Amino acid sequence: MVHPVLQTTELVTLICSFATHGSHARLARTCRAFLVPALDALWERRTASELFSRILPGVFDIVRIPDTDLYQVNFHRAPTDTEWARLAFYGARIKRLRVEHTVGWIDYALRLSPAVVYAWAGFTGSQPSVGTSLCPRAAHVYWKDLDAYAMQLEGLLWLRPDLPSLHLVMRNTDKAPPEFAHALETLASPSLVKLRVDDLFNKSLLLESALANVVRIATALEVVYLPYASASCVKALAALPALRELYIDRLFGLDDKVDDNGFGALRDLNVPLASHSQTVYFLRKLGGAQNLRSLIIAFQYPYTQPTASIARRRPHEFAGLCDAIARHCNPVGLSSLSILDETYWATYQNDEDLIFYTVKFEHIRPLRALSALKELAIVPWGYIDLDDSQVEELVSAWPHMEKLTLERTYSHSLRTDFPIRATPGSLLTIASRCPHLRELIFSFDASNYAAAEGRPGHGLTQSALYKMDIGGSIWTDESTRALASLLSDVFPSLEHVTSDVQRDAEIMDDEDEVPEALDRWDKLLEMLSFAREIRQQERASTQ
């Protein structure tokens, strides 16, 4: 006799959750018990064009709108009520919807002709059991290349009233008309938990207000991705009681006032393209974000011609950013921090226009207060000037560190040699102070290093580190063996080692341009591999 557990509906659903699309189709055709759950699984993730083309291929045509990259759903003939009901039956099974049309490997925006929209409205008006949404159970909708007309005409068809997750990709917003802002607001819902808006480049007052209003309406938001945020939008975001993840490309219009209220639930914050000053102002609004765990700041400076005064000012501005983070973030709560100067990559300046600057110990000293850090990346456009004692003072404040980056921004075209004062002694310090460190990006000068015989680490072993990037580190033919011996002795789990020399060689067409450095790098890797095998044999013999 079959066990009762094996006769439950849950078992059928469980089987379908692990089956492939092909298996779903076969199950739906051959076994009535599997029909509904198999169809649910088969149609869980679909595009809007599939709903029309696969269910009623002889009823609808999907054609390209002339002189555009848009496709449109038109009638080949008028569908019957029975055919509309079939469309509604399958549309109700879609949980994750992408409003687009795929041709080959390319995804295009999809529009519905007014005739299709009005005909669907007529059908639903005569069928009380069918709502206005084509996909009434969709939990997430991705809507591509939106304009005001599409939002106004098709919004009710694609977005159910209680939709929890929405990803919008905007279109043609350089000169967005007033109706665009209004249409954007109409897509907001108090039920939204996740909202993402991409490619909204226009920053008119109407659109700024519309974004802020969207946030005010969607009071249940937990995850928000926005192309930019004004002061009013930031204020609305701060008031969201459940906001835990926030991504804002750009900030503008913020003042320097400190605000210790709001952002109470925020855990992850990413600001990748904002100006330096607006980033600092935004950090001053985070006094209430005591639950913040992860912070990524990739700021930009405004484009300007390089001058000596600007080069002198940049380190102090960098210090101001570090100070704002230390002051306004919870020092025992923040566990992941990245501070990156993205000015060059964002503005595509020529090499002769680059403004290099030096970040010193006193500029990043405030970050020592963040004792809970597990991940830290500090990458200025220039270099970080630290000696061994300063490295020790820094890393001694971060005993929980797992990923550490203290390095200049890498550029193959940049041939400036920055002075390096840290030595392999800093590696010993990092190994002793950060026992949980798994990944390290750090440059040092080993040109005069001579390892002691036997155990150059003097018995010190850090077994967590498996990945190291030595960046622009310096070593000579004479110190290569000593460096390999040190790394294999102190870091027995080290498996992946990379460097700027390796990256240069991968980019260059002609490796003869860097023969000496590349030869020295290959020699280091060879000796490190040999030394690692010797160390493993030594450890095995003592067990």
Protein backbone atom coordinates (compact mmCIF):
# COMPACT_ATOMS: atom_id res chain seq x y z
CA MET A 1 0.00 0.00 0.00
CA VAL A 2 1.30 3.47 -0.88
CA HIS A 3 2.25 5.55 2.14
CA PRO A 4 -0.23 8.45 2.72
CA VAL A 5 2.60 10.98 2.46
CA LEU A 6 3.22 9.86 -1.12
CA GLN A 7 -0.39 10.62 -2.04
CA THR A 8 -0.32 14.31 -1.08
CA THR A 9 -0.46 17.27 -3.44
CA GLU A 10 2.73 18.61 -1.85
CA LEU A 11 4.68 15.67 -3.28
CA VAL A 12 3.52 16.51 -6.79
CA THR A 13 4.56 20.13 -6.31
CA LEU A 14 7.91 19.05 -4.90
CA ILE A 15 8.62 16.82 -7.89
CA CYS A 16 7.74 19.64 -10.28
CA SER A 17 10.06 22.05 -8.48
CA PHE A 18 13.05 19.86 -9.42
CA ALA A 19 12.01 18.94 -12.95
CA THR A 20 13.32 20.51 -16.16
CA HIS A 21 11.13 22.45 -18.60
CA GLY A 22 10.98 19.43 -20.88
CA SER A 23 9.89 17.21 -17.99
CA HIS A 24 7.21 19.72 -17.02
CA ALA A 25 5.76 19.59 -20.51
CA ARG A 26 5.76 15.77 -20.58
CA LEU A 27 4.21 15.55 -17.11
CA ALA A 28 1.48 18.01 -18.05
CA ARG A 29 0.59 15.94 -21.14
CA THR A 30 0.70 12.46 -19.62
CA CYS A 31 -0.47 12.66 -15.99
CA ARG A 32 -3.56 14.51 -14.79
CA ALA A 33 -2.27 14.65 -11.21
CA PHE A 34 0.76 16.57 -12.43
CA LEU A 35 -1.09 18.85 -14.85
CA VAL A 36 -1.63 21.97 -12.75
CA PRO A 37 1.68 22.01 -10.80
CA ALA A 38 3.61 21.16 -13.97
CA LEU A 39 1.98 24.05 -15.83
CA ASP A 40 2.66 26.37 -12.89
CA ALA A 41 6.34 25.44 -12.96
CA LEU A 42 6.54 25.63 -16.76
CA TRP A 43 5.04 29.11 -16.89
CA GLU A 44 6.57 30.57 -13.73
CA ARG A 45 9.12 32.70 -15.64
CA ARG A 46 7.97 34.02 -19.01
CA THR A 47 8.17 36.99 -21.32
CA ALA A 48 5.09 38.91 -22.38
CA SER A 49 5.61 37.97 -26.02
CA GLU A 50 5.56 34.25 -25.14
CA LEU A 51 2.13 34.67 -23.58
CA PHE A 52 0.70 35.87 -26.90
CA SER A 53 2.78 33.91 -29.42
CA ARG A 54 2.71 30.49 -27.73
CA ILE A 55 -0.87 30.41 -26.52
CA LEU A 56 -2.65 31.99 -29.50
CA PRO A 57 -0.13 32.02 -32.38
CA GLY A 58 -2.76 32.42 -35.08
CA VAL A 59 -4.53 35.24 -33.31
CA PHE A 60 -1.70 37.68 -32.59
CA ASP A 61 1.18 39.00 -34.68
CA ILE A 62 4.32 40.45 -33.11
CA VAL A 63 5.91 42.87 -35.56
CA ARG A 64 8.65 45.46 -35.44
CA ILE A 65 7.50 49.08 -35.42
CA PRO A 66 9.17 50.77 -38.43
CA ASP A 67 12.25 52.93 -37.72
CA THR A 68 12.41 51.83 -34.07
CA ASP A 69 13.80 49.00 -31.98
CA LEU A 70 10.33 48.32 -30.56
CA TYR A 71 8.05 45.36 -31.26
CA GLN A 72 4.27 45.50 -31.02
CA VAL A 73 1.52 42.94 -30.47
CA ASN A 74 -1.22 43.32 -33.09
CA PHE A 75 -4.31 41.33 -33.98
CA HIS A 76 -4.07 38.86 -36.84
CA ARG A 77 -7.76 38.36 -36.20
CA ALA A 78 -10.06 39.18 -33.30
CA PRO A 79 -9.95 36.51 -30.54
CA THR A 80 -13.09 34.88 -29.20
CA ASP A 81 -14.01 34.98 -25.51
CA THR A 82 -12.85 31.37 -25.23
CA GLU A 83 -9.43 32.34 -26.61
CA TRP A 84 -9.20 35.31 -24.24
CA ALA A 85 -9.99 32.91 -21.39
CA ARG A 86 -7.12 30.65 -22.50
CA LEU A 87 -4.78 33.63 -22.41
CA ALA A 88 -5.98 34.52 -18.91
CA PHE A 89 -5.54 30.90 -17.77
CA TYR A 90 -1.86 30.83 -18.69
CA GLY A 91 -1.16 34.44 -17.72
CA ALA A 92 -2.30 33.66 -14.19
CA ARG A 93 0.54 31.12 -13.89
CA ILE A 94 3.34 33.60 -14.55
CA LYS A 95 5.15 34.60 -11.34
CA ARG A 96 8.10 36.48 -12.85
CA LEU A 97 7.25 38.49 -15.96
CA ARG A 98 9.53 40.27 -18.41
CA VAL A 99 7.64 42.67 -20.69
CA GLU A 100 9.86 42.22 -23.75
CA HIS A 101 10.27 40.27 -26.98
CA THR A 102 13.32 38.12 -27.69
CA VAL A 103 14.73 37.75 -31.20
CA GLY A 104 17.71 35.44 -31.26
CA TRP A 105 19.82 36.52 -28.29
CA ILE A 106 18.55 40.10 -28.19
CA ASP A 107 15.73 41.33 -25.96
CA TYR A 108 13.60 44.14 -27.38
CA ALA A 109 10.94 46.31 -25.80
CA LEU A 110 7.38 45.15 -26.40
CA ARG A 111 4.27 47.27 -26.84
CA LEU A 112 0.60 46.36 -27.12
CA SER A 113 -1.44 47.99 -29.84
CA PRO A 114 -4.36 50.10 -28.59
CA ALA A 115 -6.74 47.62 -30.25
CA VAL A 116 -5.35 44.76 -28.13
CA VAL A 117 -5.55 46.82 -24.93
CA TYR A 118 -9.13 47.91 -25.54
CA ALA A 119 -10.26 44.44 -26.59
CA TRP A 120 -8.81 42.94 -23.40
CA ALA A 121 -10.59 45.64 -21.38
CA GLY A 122 -13.84 44.74 -23.11
CA PHE A 123 -13.38 41.05 -22.31
CA THR A 124 -12.56 41.60 -18.64
CA GLY A 125 -15.49 43.99 -18.31
CA SER A 126 -17.85 41.18 -19.29
CA GLN A 127 -16.11 38.59 -17.09
CA PRO A 128 -16.35 39.49 -13.38
CA SER A 129 -14.02 36.62 -12.44
CA VAL A 130 -11.17 37.98 -14.59
CA GLY A 131 -9.27 41.04 -13.41
CA THR A 132 -7.66 43.73 -15.56
CA SER A 133 -4.14 42.32 -15.16
CA LEU A 134 -2.92 39.80 -17.72
CA CYS A 135 -0.65 38.25 -15.07
CA PRO A 136 -2.52 38.67 -11.77
CA ARG A 137 -0.13 36.47 -9.78
CA ALA A 138 3.13 37.96 -11.01
CA ALA A 139 5.35 38.73 -8.01
CA HIS A 140 8.02 40.50 -10.07
CA VAL A 141 7.71 42.48 -13.30
CA TYR A 142 10.60 43.70 -15.46
CA TRP A 143 9.39 46.35 -17.90
CA LYS A 144 11.84 47.41 -20.60
CA ASP A 145 12.22 50.76 -22.44
CA LEU A 146 9.27 52.55 -20.94
CA ASP A 147 7.83 55.83 -22.11
CA ALA A 148 4.82 57.81 -20.90
CA TYR A 149 2.47 56.34 -23.51
CA ALA A 150 3.28 52.74 -22.57
CA MET A 151 2.90 53.41 -18.86
CA GLN A 152 -0.47 55.10 -19.32
CA LEU A 153 -1.89 52.59 -21.81
CA GLU A 154 -0.54 49.28 -20.52
CA GLY A 155 0.11 49.79 -16.81
CA LEU A 156 -3.09 48.12 -15.62
CA LEU A 157 -2.49 45.12 -17.88
CA TRP A 158 1.02 44.27 -16.68
CA LEU A 159 1.01 45.44 -13.07
CA ARG A 160 -1.36 43.90 -10.59
CA PRO A 161 -2.62 46.31 -7.88
CA ASP A 162 -0.68 44.57 -5.09
CA LEU A 163 2.55 43.93 -7.03
CA PRO A 164 5.50 43.45 -4.63
CA SER A 165 8.49 43.84 -6.99
CA LEU A 166 8.99 46.12 -10.03
CA HIS A 167 12.00 46.82 -12.27
CA LEU A 168 11.58 49.68 -14.75
CA VAL A 169 13.97 50.55 -17.57
CA MET A 170 13.10 53.98 -18.95
CA ARG A 171 13.25 55.23 -22.52
CA ASN A 172 13.62 58.61 -24.24
CA THR A 173 13.65 60.70 -21.08
CA ASP A 174 16.10 63.41 -22.16
CA LYS A 175 13.12 65.69 -22.73
CA ALA A 176 10.44 63.97 -20.71
CA PRO A 177 7.04 65.65 -20.98
CA PRO A 178 4.95 66.38 -17.86
CA GLU A 179 2.78 63.34 -18.53
CA PHE A 180 5.87 61.12 -18.13
CA ALA A 181 6.25 62.19 -14.50
CA HIS A 182 2.56 61.64 -13.85
CA ALA A 183 2.61 58.23 -15.51
CA LEU A 184 5.62 57.21 -13.43
CA GLU A 185 3.76 58.07 -10.24
CA THR A 186 0.76 55.97 -11.27
CA LEU A 187 2.93 52.83 -11.30
CA ALA A 188 3.68 53.16 -7.58
CA SER A 189 1.77 51.02 -5.12
CA PRO A 190 1.73 50.74 -1.31
CA SER A 191 2.37 47.01 -1.78
CA LEU A 192 5.76 47.45 -3.47
CA VAL A 193 8.58 45.84 -1.53
CA LYS A 194 11.28 46.10 -4.21
CA LEU A 195 11.65 48.91 -6.75
CA ARG A 196 14.34 49.42 -9.36
CA VAL A 197 14.40 52.26 -11.89
CA ASP A 198 17.14 52.35 -14.56
CA ASP A 199 18.20 54.76 -17.33
CA LEU A 200 16.25 57.77 -16.07
CA PHE A 201 18.85 60.35 -17.10
CA ASN A 202 16.64 63.43 -17.18
CA LYS A 203 16.71 65.35 -13.88
CA SER A 204 13.88 67.82 -14.40
CA LEU A 205 12.00 69.15 -11.40
CA LEU A 206 8.96 67.15 -12.48
CA LEU A 207 10.84 63.84 -12.51
CA GLU A 208 12.63 64.61 -9.24
CA SER A 209 9.27 65.20 -7.64
CA ALA A 210 7.81 62.09 -9.28
CA LEU A 211 10.55 59.81 -7.90
CA ALA A 212 10.08 61.27 -4.43
CA ASN A 213 6.32 60.75 -4.68
CA VAL A 214 6.79 57.16 -5.81
CA VAL A 215 8.84 56.51 -2.67
CA ARG A 216 6.24 58.24 -0.48
CA ILE A 217 3.45 56.11 -1.95
CA ALA A 218 5.34 52.81 -1.69
CA THR A 219 5.66 52.82 2.10
CA ALA A 220 6.44 49.08 2.31
CA LEU A 221 9.66 49.32 0.26
CA GLU A 222 12.56 47.22 1.51
CA VAL A 223 14.88 47.30 -1.53
CA VAL A 224 15.32 50.40 -3.72
CA TYR A 225 17.54 51.07 -6.77
CA LEU A 226 17.35 54.61 -8.18
CA PRO A 227 19.32 56.42 -10.91
CA TYR A 228 19.50 59.54 -8.74
CA ALA A 229 17.95 61.09 -5.67
CA SER A 230 17.30 64.72 -4.76
CA ALA A 231 17.04 66.09 -1.23
CA SER A 232 13.29 65.48 -1.13
CA CYS A 233 13.73 61.91 -2.36
CA VAL A 234 16.42 61.20 0.25
CA LYS A 235 14.07 62.53 2.93
CA ALA A 236 11.31 60.22 1.67
CA LEU A 237 13.72 57.26 1.64
CA ALA A 238 14.82 58.02 5.20
CA ALA A 239 11.19 57.79 6.33
CA LEU A 240 10.67 54.26 4.96
CA PRO A 241 10.33 52.02 8.03
CA ALA A 242 11.43 48.78 6.34
CA LEU A 243 14.11 49.98 3.88
CA ARG A 244 17.07 47.62 4.21
CA GLU A 245 18.88 47.87 0.85
CA LEU A 246 19.49 51.12 -1.04
CA TYR A 247 21.35 51.77 -4.30
CA ILE A 248 21.55 55.34 -5.64
CA ASP A 249 23.68 56.21 -8.67
CA ARG A 250 23.81 59.97 -8.14
CA LEU A 251 22.89 62.52 -5.48
CA PHE A 252 22.18 66.21 -5.88
CA GLY A 253 20.67 69.11 -3.97
CA LEU A 254 21.68 67.85 -0.52
CA ASP A 255 22.80 70.28 2.18
CA ASP A 256 25.44 69.72 4.85
CA LYS A 257 23.03 69.43 7.78
CA VAL A 258 23.35 66.43 10.06
CA ASP A 259 20.24 64.27 10.47
CA ASP A 260 20.13 61.54 13.09
CA ASN A 261 16.63 60.38 12.21
CA GLY A 262 15.55 57.90 9.56
CA PHE A 263 17.08 54.91 7.75
CA GLY A 264 16.49 52.87 10.89
CA ALA A 265 16.28 49.51 9.08
CA LEU A 266 18.95 50.18 6.42
CA ARG A 267 21.57 47.44 6.19
CA ASP A 268 23.18 47.80 2.73
CA LEU A 269 23.99 51.10 1.00
CA ASN A 270 25.67 51.57 -2.40
CA VAL A 271 26.38 55.02 -3.87
CA PRO A 272 28.54 54.39 -6.97
CA LEU A 273 28.53 57.61 -9.04
CA ALA A 274 27.80 60.59 -6.79
CA SER A 275 30.07 63.60 -6.47
CA HIS A 276 32.45 63.72 -3.53
CA SER A 277 30.67 66.62 -1.81
CA GLN A 278 27.17 65.18 -2.20
CA THR A 279 28.42 61.84 -0.88
CA VAL A 280 29.75 63.51 2.26
CA TYR A 281 26.46 65.38 2.73
CA PHE A 282 24.54 62.13 2.35
CA LEU A 283 26.69 60.40 4.96
CA ARG A 284 25.66 63.12 7.40
CA LYS A 285 22.06 61.98 6.99
CA LEU A 286 22.85 58.45 8.19
CA GLY A 287 22.92 59.08 11.93
CA GLY A 288 19.83 56.95 12.34
CA ALA A 289 21.21 54.06 10.27
CA GLN A 290 22.56 52.15 13.23
CA ASN A 291 21.83 48.82 11.55
CA LEU A 292 24.00 49.60 8.51
CA ARG A 293 26.26 46.64 7.74
CA SER A 294 27.58 47.29 4.22
CA LEU A 295 28.61 50.61 2.64
CA ILE A 296 30.03 51.08 -0.88
CA ILE A 297 31.13 54.60 -1.85
CA ALA A 298 32.51 55.09 -5.37
CA PHE A 299 32.65 58.87 -5.59
CA GLN A 300 33.65 61.27 -8.36
CA TYR A 301 35.28 64.68 -8.46
CA PRO A 302 34.10 67.22 -11.03
CA TYR A 303 36.28 67.37 -14.12
CA THR A 304 38.98 70.01 -13.90
CA GLN A 305 42.44 70.65 -15.27
CA PRO A 306 45.16 69.22 -13.02
CA THR A 307 46.85 71.75 -10.75
CA ALA A 308 49.19 71.46 -7.79
CA SER A 309 46.61 72.99 -5.43
CA ILE A 310 43.96 70.44 -6.42
CA ALA A 311 46.41 67.59 -5.94
CA ARG A 312 47.13 68.92 -2.42
CA ARG A 313 43.44 69.34 -1.61
CA ARG A 314 42.28 65.88 -2.70
CA PRO A 315 43.88 63.94 0.20
CA HIS A 316 42.17 66.20 2.74
CA GLU A 317 38.84 65.73 0.96
CA PHE A 318 39.43 61.98 1.07
CA ALA A 319 40.10 62.34 4.79
CA GLY A 320 36.81 64.21 5.19
CA LEU A 321 35.00 61.30 3.60
CA CYS A 322 36.63 58.81 5.96
CA ASP A 323 35.83 61.03 8.93
CA ALA A 324 32.16 61.30 7.91
CA ILE A 325 31.91 57.52 7.66
CA ALA A 326 33.48 57.02 11.09
CA ARG A 327 31.27 59.69 12.68
CA HIS A 328 27.90 58.78 11.23
CA CYS A 329 28.07 54.98 10.90
CA ASN A 330 27.74 52.56 13.79
CA PRO A 331 31.38 51.64 14.63
CA VAL A 332 30.42 48.24 16.02
CA GLY A 333 27.85 47.50 13.31
CA LEU A 334 29.47 48.32 9.95
CA SER A 335 31.20 45.17 8.69
CA SER A 336 31.86 45.92 5.00
CA LEU A 337 33.22 49.19 3.58
CA SER A 338 34.52 50.22 0.14
CA ILE A 339 35.85 53.71 -0.67
CA LEU A 340 36.77 54.08 -4.34
CA ASP A 341 37.71 57.14 -6.39
CA GLU A 342 36.01 56.54 -9.75
CA THR A 343 36.68 59.99 -11.24
CA TYR A 344 38.92 58.76 -14.05
CA TRP A 345 36.68 55.87 -15.11
CA ALA A 346 33.56 58.03 -15.01
CA THR A 347 34.87 61.01 -16.99
CA TYR A 348 37.21 59.17 -19.40
CA GLN A 349 39.94 61.74 -19.05
CA ASN A 350 43.23 61.46 -20.89
CA ASP A 351 46.26 60.36 -18.93
CA GLU A 352 47.69 63.88 -19.05
CA ASP A 353 44.54 65.14 -17.30
CA LEU A 354 44.81 62.77 -14.34
CA ILE A 355 45.13 64.28 -10.90
CA PHE A 356 47.10 61.91 -8.69
CA TYR A 357 47.14 62.32 -4.95
CA THR A 358 48.63 60.59 -1.95
CA VAL A 359 46.49 59.21 0.86
CA LYS A 360 48.48 59.04 4.08
CA PHE A 361 47.93 57.32 7.39
CA GLU A 362 46.36 60.37 9.03
CA HIS A 363 43.78 60.60 6.26
CA ILE A 364 42.36 57.12 6.89
CA ARG A 365 43.07 56.98 10.63
CA PRO A 366 39.38 57.65 11.53
CA LEU A 367 38.46 54.27 10.06
CA ARG A 368 40.25 52.56 12.95
CA ALA A 369 37.09 53.25 14.97
CA LEU A 370 35.18 50.72 12.84
CA SER A 371 36.16 47.72 14.91
CA ALA A 372 33.60 45.32 13.39
CA LEU A 373 34.97 45.54 9.84
CA LYS A 374 35.28 42.25 7.99
CA GLU A 375 35.75 43.69 4.51
CA LEU A 376 37.56 46.92 3.64
CA ALA A 377 38.66 48.38 0.29
CA ILE A 378 40.40 51.77 0.06
CA VAL A 379 41.35 52.69 -3.51
CA PRO A 380 42.22 56.34 -4.25
CA TRP A 381 43.33 57.68 -7.62
CA GLY A 382 46.96 57.70 -6.64
CA TYR A 383 48.37 55.56 -3.86
CA ILE A 384 48.25 54.90 -0.12
CA ASP A 385 51.51 55.83 1.57
CA LEU A 386 52.03 53.61 4.64
CA ASP A 387 55.08 52.27 6.44
CA ASP A 388 55.18 49.06 8.45
CA SER A 389 54.34 50.70 11.79
CA GLN A 390 51.34 52.48 10.30
CA VAL A 391 50.09 49.25 8.72
CA GLU A 392 50.30 47.64 12.15
CA GLU A 393 48.37 50.48 13.79
CA LEU A 394 45.63 50.15 11.19
CA VAL A 395 45.16 46.38 11.04
CA SER A 396 45.37 45.98 14.81
CA ALA A 397 42.02 47.80 14.96
CA TRP A 398 40.36 45.23 12.65
CA PRO A 399 40.77 41.77 14.20
CA HIS A 400 37.75 40.39 12.31
CA MET A 401 39.01 41.38 8.86
CA GLU A 402 38.40 38.82 6.08
CA LYS A 403 38.99 40.85 2.89
CA LEU A 404 41.41 43.79 2.82
CA THR A 405 42.36 46.09 -0.05
CA LEU A 406 44.83 48.94 0.51
CA GLU A 407 45.91 49.77 -3.01
CA ARG A 408 46.08 52.32 -5.79
CA THR A 409 43.67 52.17 -8.73
CA TYR A 410 45.21 49.90 -11.35
CA SER A 411 45.68 51.35 -14.83
CA HIS A 412 47.65 49.64 -17.56
CA SER A 413 48.23 52.98 -19.29
CA LEU A 414 49.53 54.55 -16.07
CA ARG A 415 53.29 54.21 -15.89
CA THR A 416 53.89 56.31 -12.75
CA ASP A 417 55.98 54.55 -10.11
CA PHE A 418 54.63 55.43 -6.67
CA PRO A 419 56.99 55.07 -3.69
CA ILE A 420 56.26 52.05 -1.50
CA ARG A 421 57.41 52.15 2.12
CA ALA A 422 55.72 48.99 3.39
CA THR A 423 57.94 45.90 3.43
CA PRO A 424 57.26 42.15 3.78
CA GLY A 425 57.26 42.88 7.50
CA SER A 426 53.75 44.25 6.99
CA LEU A 427 52.67 40.82 5.75
CA LEU A 428 53.78 39.34 9.07
CA THR A 429 51.85 42.02 10.92
CA ILE A 430 48.72 41.41 8.87
CA ALA A 431 49.04 37.67 9.41
CA SER A 432 49.27 38.06 13.18
CA ARG A 433 46.63 40.77 13.59
CA CYS A 434 44.05 39.42 11.12
CA PRO A 435 43.75 35.66 11.70
CA HIS A 436 40.52 35.43 9.67
CA LEU A 437 41.80 37.25 6.57
CA ARG A 438 40.97 35.32 3.38
CA GLU A 439 41.78 37.82 0.62
CA LEU A 440 44.42 40.56 0.50
CA ILE A 441 45.33 43.25 -2.06
CA PHE A 442 48.45 45.08 -0.90
CA SER A 443 51.71 46.39 -2.36
CA PHE A 444 55.08 46.20 -0.60
CA ASP A 445 58.76 46.67 -1.34
CA ALA A 446 60.74 43.43 -1.08
CA SER A 447 63.72 44.58 -3.12
CA ASN A 448 66.04 44.32 -0.09
CA TYR A 449 64.29 41.41 1.59
CA ALA A 450 66.34 38.43 2.70
CA ALA A 451 64.39 35.67 4.45
CA ALA A 452 65.81 33.77 7.38
CA GLU A 453 66.71 30.14 6.79
CA GLY A 454 64.14 27.51 7.72
CA ARG A 455 61.04 29.33 8.90
CA PRO A 456 61.17 32.98 7.75
CA GLY A 457 57.84 33.55 9.52
CA HIS A 458 59.44 32.53 12.84
CA GLY A 459 56.64 30.04 13.47
CA LEU A 460 53.82 32.43 12.56
CA THR A 461 51.11 30.76 10.45
CA GLN A 462 47.93 32.29 9.04
CA SER A 463 45.88 29.51 7.47
CA ALA A 464 42.82 31.48 6.32
CA LEU A 465 44.42 33.48 3.48
CA TYR A 466 43.98 31.78 0.11
CA LYS A 467 44.02 34.72 -2.32
CA MET A 468 46.58 37.54 -2.57
CA ASP A 469 47.11 40.33 -5.09
CA ILE A 470 50.50 41.96 -4.58
CA GLY A 471 49.61 44.83 -6.94
CA GLY A 472 52.61 46.97 -7.79
CA SER A 473 54.96 45.30 -5.32
CA ILE A 474 58.70 45.50 -5.95
CA TRP A 475 61.18 42.65 -5.70
CA THR A 476 64.44 41.71 -7.38
CA ASP A 477 65.95 38.55 -8.81
CA GLU A 478 67.95 38.24 -5.61
CA SER A 479 64.89 38.52 -3.32
CA THR A 480 62.54 36.30 -5.33
CA ARG A 481 63.45 33.09 -3.52
CA ALA A 482 63.20 34.75 -0.11
CA LEU A 483 59.78 36.20 -0.89
CA ALA A 484 58.46 32.84 -2.12
CA SER A 485 59.79 31.19 1.03
CA LEU A 486 58.05 33.75 3.25
CA LEU A 487 54.68 33.46 1.51
CA SER A 488 54.69 29.66 1.56
CA ASP A 489 55.71 29.57 5.23
CA VAL A 490 53.29 32.12 6.68
CA PHE A 491 50.29 31.47 4.40
CA PRO A 492 50.00 27.68 3.88
CA SER A 493 46.54 27.97 2.26
CA LEU A 494 47.61 30.55 -0.34
CA GLU A 495 46.50 29.28 -3.76
CA HIS A 496 45.91 32.34 -5.95
CA VAL A 497 48.54 35.07 -6.37
CA THR A 498 48.19 37.91 -8.91
CA SER A 499 49.95 41.21 -9.62
CA ASP A 500 50.00 44.29 -11.84
CA VAL A 501 52.79 42.69 -13.87
CA GLN A 502 50.49 39.80 -14.73
CA ARG A 503 47.68 42.17 -15.72
CA ASP A 504 50.06 44.21 -17.88
CA ALA A 505 51.16 41.07 -19.70
CA GLU A 506 47.57 40.01 -20.33
CA ILE A 507 46.73 43.38 -21.88
CA MET A 508 49.84 43.86 -24.00
CA ASP A 509 49.93 42.35 -27.47
CA ASP A 510 53.70 42.11 -27.36
CA GLU A 511 55.02 40.63 -24.14
CA ASP A 512 58.53 41.75 -25.13
CA GLU A 513 57.59 45.17 -23.77
CA VAL A 514 57.86 43.86 -20.20
CA PRO A 515 60.37 40.98 -20.46
CA GLU A 516 62.30 41.61 -17.25
CA ALA A 517 59.30 42.17 -14.96
CA LEU A 518 57.35 39.31 -16.49
CA ASP A 519 60.29 36.94 -16.23
CA ARG A 520 60.70 37.86 -12.57
CA TRP A 521 56.98 37.31 -11.99
CA ASP A 522 57.06 33.87 -13.62
CA LYS A 523 60.07 33.00 -11.51
CA LEU A 524 58.24 34.03 -8.33
CA LEU A 525 55.25 31.85 -9.19
CA GLU A 526 57.50 28.91 -9.99
CA MET A 527 59.44 29.23 -6.74
CA LEU A 528 56.25 29.74 -4.76
CA SER A 529 54.77 26.55 -6.18
CA PHE A 530 57.96 24.63 -5.37
CA ALA A 531 58.18 26.10 -1.86
CA ARG A 532 54.52 25.27 -1.20
CA GLU A 533 55.14 21.61 -2.00
CA ILE A 534 58.15 21.54 0.31
CA ARG A 535 56.15 23.13 3.14
CA GLN A 536 53.34 20.63 2.67
CA GLN A 537 55.79 17.75 2.91
CA GLU A 538 57.34 19.28 6.04
CA ARG A 539 53.96 19.66 7.72
CA ALA A 540 52.92 16.13 6.74
CA SER A 541 56.10 14.67 8.24
CA THR A 542 55.49 16.37 11.60
CA GLN A 543 51.90 15.15 11.96
